Protein backbone atom coordinates (compact mmCIF):
# COMPACT_ATOMS: atom_id res chain seq x y z
CA UNK A 1 -13.07 19.23 0.07
CA UNK A 2 -11.55 16.54 -2.15
CA UNK A 3 -7.92 16.84 -3.30
CA UNK A 4 -7.00 15.09 -6.56
CA UNK A 5 -3.23 14.67 -6.91
CA UNK A 6 -1.94 13.96 -10.42
CA UNK A 7 1.78 13.66 -11.23
CA UNK A 8 2.32 13.70 -14.98
CA UNK A 9 5.08 12.77 -17.40
CA UNK A 10 5.07 12.57 -21.21
CA UNK A 11 1.29 12.93 -21.61
CA UNK A 12 -0.48 16.01 -22.91
CA UNK A 13 -3.71 15.43 -24.84
CA UNK A 14 -4.81 12.90 -22.20
CA UNK A 15 -4.55 15.56 -19.50
CA UNK A 16 -7.04 17.76 -21.32
CA UNK A 17 -9.45 14.84 -21.55
CA UNK A 18 -9.18 14.36 -17.80
CA UNK A 19 -9.69 18.06 -17.12
CA UNK A 20 -12.77 18.00 -19.33
CA UNK A 21 -14.17 15.14 -17.24
CA UNK A 22 -13.60 17.26 -14.12
CA UNK A 23 -15.59 20.15 -15.55
CA UNK A 24 -18.76 18.05 -15.61
CA UNK A 25 -18.46 16.58 -12.11
CA UNK A 26 -21.71 16.61 -10.14
CA UNK A 27 -19.72 17.29 -6.95
CA UNK A 28 -17.89 20.61 -7.22
CA UNK A 29 -15.89 21.06 -4.01
CA UNK A 30 -12.56 19.66 -5.19
CA UNK A 31 -9.09 20.79 -6.18
CA UNK A 32 -6.75 19.26 -8.75
CA UNK A 33 -3.02 19.38 -7.98
CA UNK A 34 -0.87 18.84 -11.08
CA UNK A 35 2.76 17.82 -10.44
CA UNK A 36 4.64 18.30 -13.70
CA UNK A 37 7.77 16.15 -14.21
CA UNK A 38 8.31 17.22 -17.83
CA UNK A 39 11.19 19.38 -18.94
CA UNK A 40 9.00 21.18 -21.47
CA UNK A 41 6.25 23.71 -20.68
CA UNK A 42 3.31 21.91 -22.35
CA UNK A 43 1.60 20.80 -19.14
CA UNK A 44 1.94 24.28 -17.67
CA UNK A 45 0.31 25.73 -20.79
CA UNK A 46 -2.56 23.22 -20.60
CA UNK A 47 -3.02 23.99 -16.90
CA UNK A 48 -3.17 27.72 -17.66
CA UNK A 49 -6.13 27.08 -19.97
CA UNK A 50 -8.09 25.53 -17.12
CA UNK A 51 -7.03 27.62 -14.13
CA UNK A 52 -10.16 29.80 -14.34
CA UNK A 53 -12.44 26.78 -14.77
CA UNK A 54 -11.02 24.51 -12.06
CA UNK A 55 -9.49 24.94 -8.62
CA UNK A 56 -6.09 23.99 -10.02
CA UNK A 57 -2.66 24.07 -8.41
CA UNK A 58 0.37 23.60 -10.64
CA UNK A 59 3.69 22.34 -9.27
CA UNK A 60 6.85 22.04 -11.38
CA UNK A 61 9.01 19.15 -10.15
CA UNK A 62 12.72 18.82 -10.91
CA UNK A 63 12.81 15.13 -9.97
CA UNK A 64 11.12 12.14 -11.57
CA UNK A 65 9.41 9.39 -9.63
CA UNK A 66 5.72 8.67 -9.09
CA UNK A 67 5.70 8.29 -5.30
CA UNK A 68 8.01 11.26 -4.75
CA UNK A 69 5.80 13.51 -6.85
CA UNK A 70 2.57 12.26 -5.31
CA UNK A 71 4.08 13.24 -1.97
CA UNK A 72 4.82 16.73 -3.30
CA UNK A 73 1.14 17.00 -4.15
CA UNK A 74 0.01 15.64 -0.79
CA UNK A 75 2.02 18.32 0.99
CA UNK A 76 0.04 20.99 -0.90
CA UNK A 77 -3.38 19.36 -0.44
CA UNK A 78 -6.23 20.89 1.56
CA UNK A 79 -8.96 18.27 1.30
CA UNK A 80 -10.08 15.79 3.94
CA UNK A 81 -10.49 13.30 1.08
CA UNK A 82 -7.56 12.52 -1.25
CA UNK A 83 -7.39 10.59 -4.53
CA UNK A 84 -4.67 9.95 -7.11
CA UNK A 85 -5.88 10.05 -10.74
CA UNK A 86 -3.45 9.07 -13.51
CA UNK A 87 -2.69 11.57 -16.26
CA UNK A 88 -4.49 9.33 -18.79
CA UNK A 89 -7.64 8.40 -16.87
CA UNK A 90 -11.06 10.04 -17.01
CA UNK A 91 -13.84 10.28 -14.45
CA UNK A 92 -17.54 9.75 -15.02
CA UNK A 93 -19.63 12.76 -14.01
CA UNK A 94 -20.67 11.09 -10.75
CA UNK A 95 -17.25 9.70 -9.75
CA UNK A 96 -16.31 12.16 -7.02
CA UNK A 97 -19.90 12.45 -5.74
CA UNK A 98 -20.18 8.70 -5.25
CA UNK A 99 -17.05 8.63 -3.11
CA UNK A 100 -18.15 11.62 -1.04
CA UNK A 101 -21.69 10.27 -0.59
CA UNK A 102 -20.29 6.93 0.55
CA UNK A 103 -18.14 8.56 3.24
CA UNK A 104 -20.99 10.78 4.42
CA UNK A 105 -23.30 7.77 4.80
CA UNK A 106 -20.71 5.36 6.25
CA UNK A 107 -18.67 7.08 8.93
CA UNK A 108 -16.87 3.86 9.89
CA UNK A 109 -15.26 3.58 6.45
CA UNK A 110 -12.25 5.63 5.37
CA UNK A 111 -11.38 4.03 1.99
CA UNK A 112 -13.58 3.87 -1.10
CA UNK A 113 -12.53 2.05 -4.27
CA UNK A 114 -14.13 1.06 -7.56
CA UNK A 115 -13.40 -0.71 -10.84
CA UNK A 116 -11.27 0.54 -13.72
CA UNK A 117 -12.22 -0.20 -17.33
CA UNK A 118 -11.56 1.30 -20.74
CA UNK A 119 -14.11 3.40 -22.60
CA UNK A 120 -15.56 0.25 -24.20
CA UNK A 121 -16.31 -1.09 -20.70
CA UNK A 122 -13.66 -3.78 -21.03
CA UNK A 123 -11.37 -4.46 -18.07
CA UNK A 124 -8.32 -4.51 -20.32
CA UNK A 125 -6.18 -2.46 -17.93
CA UNK A 126 -6.64 -4.72 -14.91
CA UNK A 127 -9.20 -7.38 -14.03
CA UNK A 128 -10.79 -6.52 -10.71
CA UNK A 129 -13.18 -8.17 -8.27
CA UNK A 130 -16.60 -8.85 -9.87
CA UNK A 131 -18.61 -8.15 -6.69
CA UNK A 132 -18.81 -5.51 -3.98
CA UNK A 133 -16.74 -6.36 -0.91
CA UNK A 134 -14.76 -5.22 2.11
CA UNK A 135 -11.16 -4.31 1.25
CA UNK A 136 -8.57 -6.36 3.10
CA UNK A 137 -5.02 -7.65 2.73
CA UNK A 138 -6.21 -10.83 1.00
CA UNK A 139 -8.09 -9.08 -1.82
CA UNK A 140 -6.26 -5.77 -2.05
CA UNK A 141 -4.75 -6.59 -5.45
CA UNK A 142 -8.26 -7.20 -6.83
CA UNK A 143 -9.95 -4.15 -5.31
CA UNK A 144 -7.36 -1.37 -5.63
CA UNK A 145 -5.60 0.48 -8.40
CA UNK A 146 -3.93 3.83 -7.91
CA UNK A 147 -6.71 5.66 -9.79
CA UNK A 148 -9.70 4.00 -8.13
CA UNK A 149 -9.29 4.71 -4.42
CA UNK A 150 -10.30 7.72 -2.34
CA UNK A 151 -9.17 8.08 1.27
CA UNK A 152 -11.05 10.10 3.88
CA UNK A 153 -8.41 11.29 6.31
CA UNK A 154 -10.87 13.47 8.23
CA UNK A 155 -8.67 15.26 10.77
CA UNK A 156 -5.80 12.77 10.60
CA UNK A 157 -2.43 13.69 9.13
CA UNK A 158 -2.01 12.59 5.53
CA UNK A 159 -0.09 9.39 4.83
CA UNK A 160 2.83 9.77 2.42
CA UNK A 161 3.88 7.18 -0.14
CA UNK A 162 6.96 5.02 0.33
CA UNK A 163 9.34 6.68 -2.15
CA UNK A 164 11.30 3.46 -2.60
CA UNK A 165 8.26 2.00 -4.39
CA UNK A 166 6.64 2.96 -7.69
CA UNK A 167 7.52 3.93 -11.24
CA UNK A 168 10.84 5.77 -11.32
CA UNK A 169 11.86 4.51 -7.87
CA UNK A 170 14.28 1.80 -6.73
CA UNK A 171 11.48 -0.77 -6.76
CA UNK A 172 9.27 -0.06 -9.74
CA UNK A 173 5.74 -0.87 -8.57
CA UNK A 174 3.52 -1.62 -5.58
CA UNK A 175 3.27 1.87 -4.12
CA UNK A 176 -0.54 2.12 -4.20
CA UNK A 177 -1.07 -1.35 -2.69
CA UNK A 178 1.48 -0.53 0.01
CA UNK A 179 -0.37 2.73 0.71
CA UNK A 180 -3.65 0.90 1.30
CA UNK A 181 -2.01 -1.88 3.32
CA UNK A 182 -0.48 0.75 5.58
CA UNK A 183 -3.88 2.38 6.09
CA UNK A 184 -5.47 -1.00 6.83
CA UNK A 185 -2.73 -1.69 9.38
CA UNK A 186 -3.70 1.60 11.07
CA UNK A 187 -7.30 0.46 11.42
CA UNK A 188 -8.83 2.14 8.36
CA UNK A 189 -11.72 0.24 6.79
CA UNK A 190 -12.59 0.26 3.10
CA UNK A 191 -15.24 -0.90 0.63
CA UNK A 192 -14.95 -1.74 -3.05
CA UNK A 193 -17.80 -1.21 -5.53
CA UNK A 194 -17.72 -3.15 -8.79
CA UNK A 195 -20.50 -1.13 -10.46
CA UNK A 196 -18.66 2.18 -10.17
CA UNK A 197 -16.06 2.76 -12.89
CA UNK A 198 -13.12 5.06 -13.60
CA UNK A 199 -11.90 4.90 -17.18
CA UNK A 200 -8.33 4.03 -18.08
CA UNK A 201 -6.92 3.01 -21.48
CA UNK A 202 -5.86 -0.58 -22.03
CA UNK A 203 -2.22 -1.46 -21.43
CA UNK A 204 0.03 -0.93 -24.44
CA UNK A 205 2.59 -3.59 -25.34
CA UNK A 206 6.16 -2.39 -25.62
CA UNK A 207 9.14 -3.68 -27.55
CA UNK A 208 10.57 -6.97 -26.31
CA UNK A 209 13.66 -5.57 -24.58
CA UNK A 210 11.77 -2.69 -23.00
CA UNK A 211 8.97 -5.01 -21.89
CA UNK A 212 11.42 -7.42 -20.22
CA UNK A 213 12.88 -4.57 -18.16
CA UNK A 214 9.43 -3.26 -17.30
CA UNK A 215 8.25 -6.70 -16.20
CA UNK A 216 11.40 -7.10 -14.09
CA UNK A 217 10.85 -3.70 -12.46
CA UNK A 218 7.19 -4.46 -11.72
CA UNK A 219 8.17 -7.82 -10.27
CA UNK A 220 10.79 -6.13 -8.14
CA UNK A 221 8.19 -3.75 -6.74
CA UNK A 222 5.89 -6.66 -5.93
CA UNK A 223 8.69 -8.51 -4.12
CA UNK A 224 9.57 -5.42 -2.10
CA UNK A 225 5.92 -4.87 -1.21
CA UNK A 226 5.57 -8.48 -0.04
CA UNK A 227 8.64 -8.24 2.14
CA UNK A 228 7.38 -5.04 3.71
CA UNK A 229 4.00 -6.60 4.49
CA UNK A 230 5.35 -9.94 5.72
CA UNK A 231 8.51 -8.90 7.59
CA UNK A 232 7.89 -5.34 8.71
CA UNK A 233 4.12 -5.37 9.21
CA UNK A 234 4.31 -9.00 10.40
CA UNK A 235 1.44 -10.23 8.24
CA UNK A 236 2.58 -13.82 7.80
CA UNK A 237 -0.60 -14.73 5.93
CA UNK A 238 0.60 -12.52 3.10
CA UNK A 239 3.36 -15.07 2.50
CA UNK A 240 0.85 -17.20 0.59
CA UNK A 241 0.27 -14.38 -1.90
CA UNK A 242 4.00 -14.19 -2.59
CA UNK A 243 4.37 -17.98 -2.82
CA UNK A 244 1.41 -18.35 -5.19
CA UNK A 245 2.83 -15.73 -7.54
CA UNK A 246 6.23 -17.43 -7.59
CA UNK A 247 4.64 -20.83 -8.24
CA UNK A 248 2.59 -19.29 -11.05
CA UNK A 249 5.76 -17.89 -12.62
CA UNK A 250 7.46 -21.29 -12.43
CA UNK A 251 4.47 -22.88 -14.12
CA UNK A 252 4.47 -20.15 -16.73
CA UNK A 253 8.14 -20.73 -17.53
CA UNK A 254 7.46 -24.42 -18.05
CA UNK A 255 4.08 -24.31 -19.76
CA UNK A 256 3.38 -20.84 -21.12
CA UNK A 257 4.24 -19.34 -24.47
CA UNK A 258 4.98 -16.10 -22.61
CA UNK A 259 8.18 -17.35 -20.97
CA UNK A 260 9.98 -14.01 -21.15
CA UNK A 261 7.33 -12.38 -18.97
CA UNK A 262 7.52 -15.08 -16.32
CA UNK A 263 11.32 -15.15 -16.31
CA UNK A 264 11.58 -11.38 -15.93
CA UNK A 265 8.86 -11.26 -13.30
CA UNK A 266 10.16 -14.06 -11.08
CA UNK A 267 13.67 -12.61 -11.18
CA UNK A 268 12.27 -9.23 -10.19
CA UNK A 269 10.07 -10.61 -7.41
CA UNK A 270 12.89 -12.53 -5.78
CA UNK A 271 15.33 -9.64 -6.17
CA UNK A 272 12.86 -7.15 -4.70
CA UNK A 273 12.09 -9.38 -1.73
CA UNK A 274 15.76 -9.94 -0.99
CA UNK A 275 16.89 -6.32 -1.32
CA UNK A 276 14.09 -4.18 0.11
CA UNK A 277 14.88 -2.44 3.41
CA UNK A 278 12.70 0.01 5.27
CA UNK A 279 15.48 1.65 7.25
CA UNK A 280 14.27 3.00 10.57
CA UNK A 281 10.65 3.62 9.52
CA UNK A 282 9.31 0.48 11.10
């Protein structure tokens, strides 16, 4: 079985579009776990409409935070394979089948990932690697988004997300990359496939003040992620990824017309790196 875990907040029509894409899946042995962070009952009402058409579990959460609510879903999951669709993505009819077929044919691999594009087949959400490849710490940012990866845990215990990372958490990004890096550190192997696509709308630009805060929060998550990988997982080679991003920000401040983005991001990256602590986990 495949377990799809989908926290949701402030989206409604998009959820129905995703559910409709699940109804036409070629592979049928899956469950969808909806973790509702909204104060209203709209998501519950939408879920009720589909409960006889899908193997659907509905969880009402009283706390916001992407990683926290993904973990709530993981604790209710039954599948050997787990994935984390967004509440505004849609699957192609063969999406789940391709992941399952890959794992069945390649027992040595435990992570499958693919590309994300919008419905016009433009990679406006995130530019990803243009060729198939092994997933590793050097290319993880180019081969992984939260909606594109499936993990085959087989008989292993599920891995939970670091609740300090991600939207709504102390450090506002990086949770899905951290999740994969943790699996890689445990010996899991993964492959990325550029021809396979999961649809996601293009990023929407926010007002200047809101965007500055969002860029700062995302930078902070990146800095925290880098510290975790470099200091706690002792991957010193990852230092170059952090350094390159900082150098790029400095160049952007000097040369780019998008100075606000680079200022917010570099402040966030340095702040996140300085302040992240894992406690006793590592």
